[in-house]
Protein backbone atom coordinates (compact mmCIF):
# COMPACT_ATOMS: atom_id res chain seq x y z
CA UNK A 1 -0.16 0.21 0.04
CA UNK A 2 1.52 3.41 -0.70
CA UNK A 3 0.78 6.88 1.40
CA UNK A 4 0.43 9.57 -0.56
CA UNK A 5 1.52 11.54 2.42
CA UNK A 6 4.81 10.64 2.12
CA UNK A 7 7.56 11.81 0.03
CA UNK A 8 10.14 9.29 -0.09
CA UNK A 9 9.34 5.74 -1.03
CA UNK A 10 11.30 2.17 -1.39
CA UNK A 11 9.37 0.05 -3.61
CA UNK A 12 10.84 -3.53 -4.33
CA UNK A 13 9.71 -4.56 -7.86
CA UNK A 14 11.35 -6.98 -10.66
CA UNK A 15 11.99 -5.54 -13.32
CA UNK A 16 9.60 -8.29 -16.28
CA UNK A 17 10.23 -6.36 -19.72
CA UNK A 18 12.90 -3.82 -20.52
CA UNK A 19 12.28 -1.74 -23.87
CA UNK A 20 14.49 0.68 -25.21
CA UNK A 21 12.77 2.96 -27.39
CA UNK A 22 14.73 5.13 -30.27
CA UNK A 23 14.08 8.52 -31.11
CA UNK A 24 12.32 8.72 -34.24
CA UNK A 25 14.63 10.88 -36.10
CA UNK A 26 17.49 9.32 -35.14
CA UNK A 27 17.33 5.47 -34.36
CA UNK A 28 20.94 5.55 -32.45
CA UNK A 29 19.75 8.09 -29.67
CA UNK A 30 17.52 6.63 -27.14
CA UNK A 31 13.90 8.55 -26.69
CA UNK A 32 12.74 6.42 -23.51
CA UNK A 33 13.25 2.97 -21.41
CA UNK A 34 9.32 1.46 -21.04
CA UNK A 35 9.37 -1.16 -18.17
CA UNK A 36 6.44 -3.71 -17.17
CA UNK A 37 7.26 -3.79 -12.99
CA UNK A 38 6.01 -6.67 -10.94
CA UNK A 39 5.64 -6.60 -7.20
CA UNK A 40 6.15 -9.79 -4.57
CA UNK A 41 2.44 -10.10 -5.16
CA UNK A 42 2.17 -10.42 -9.05
CA UNK A 43 0.45 -7.40 -9.70
CA UNK A 44 2.41 -5.41 -12.50
CA UNK A 45 2.49 -1.94 -13.46
CA UNK A 46 4.06 0.03 -16.70
CA UNK A 47 6.84 2.49 -16.29
CA UNK A 48 8.71 4.98 -18.15
CA UNK A 49 11.89 6.62 -18.47
CA UNK A 50 11.97 9.76 -20.12
CA UNK A 51 15.36 10.74 -21.98
CA UNK A 52 16.30 13.17 -19.06
CA UNK A 53 16.57 10.64 -16.50
CA UNK A 54 18.18 7.13 -18.14
CA UNK A 55 21.67 8.21 -17.60
CA UNK A 56 20.45 8.06 -14.07
CA UNK A 57 18.86 4.77 -14.65
CA UNK A 58 20.12 2.76 -17.55
CA UNK A 59 22.68 0.41 -15.51
CA UNK A 60 20.91 -0.51 -12.44
CA UNK A 61 17.67 -1.73 -14.58
CA UNK A 62 17.95 -5.16 -15.79
CA UNK A 63 15.33 -7.61 -17.14
CA UNK A 64 14.34 -9.99 -14.54
CA UNK A 65 16.16 -8.56 -11.84
């Protein structure tokens, strides 16, 4: 359960699917990273990492982890 009154949260999930989405005009440049995340109960949610945050998270994410 997520309480909206807290500003900081730690959520444990597994990355079940990870997709690197290139920009339309330059396929060698990343536009975003799309993820499907699953919690310990098996509930899934889709998430996106936009271009401005890719460098921060790219090396931390692996499909199946």
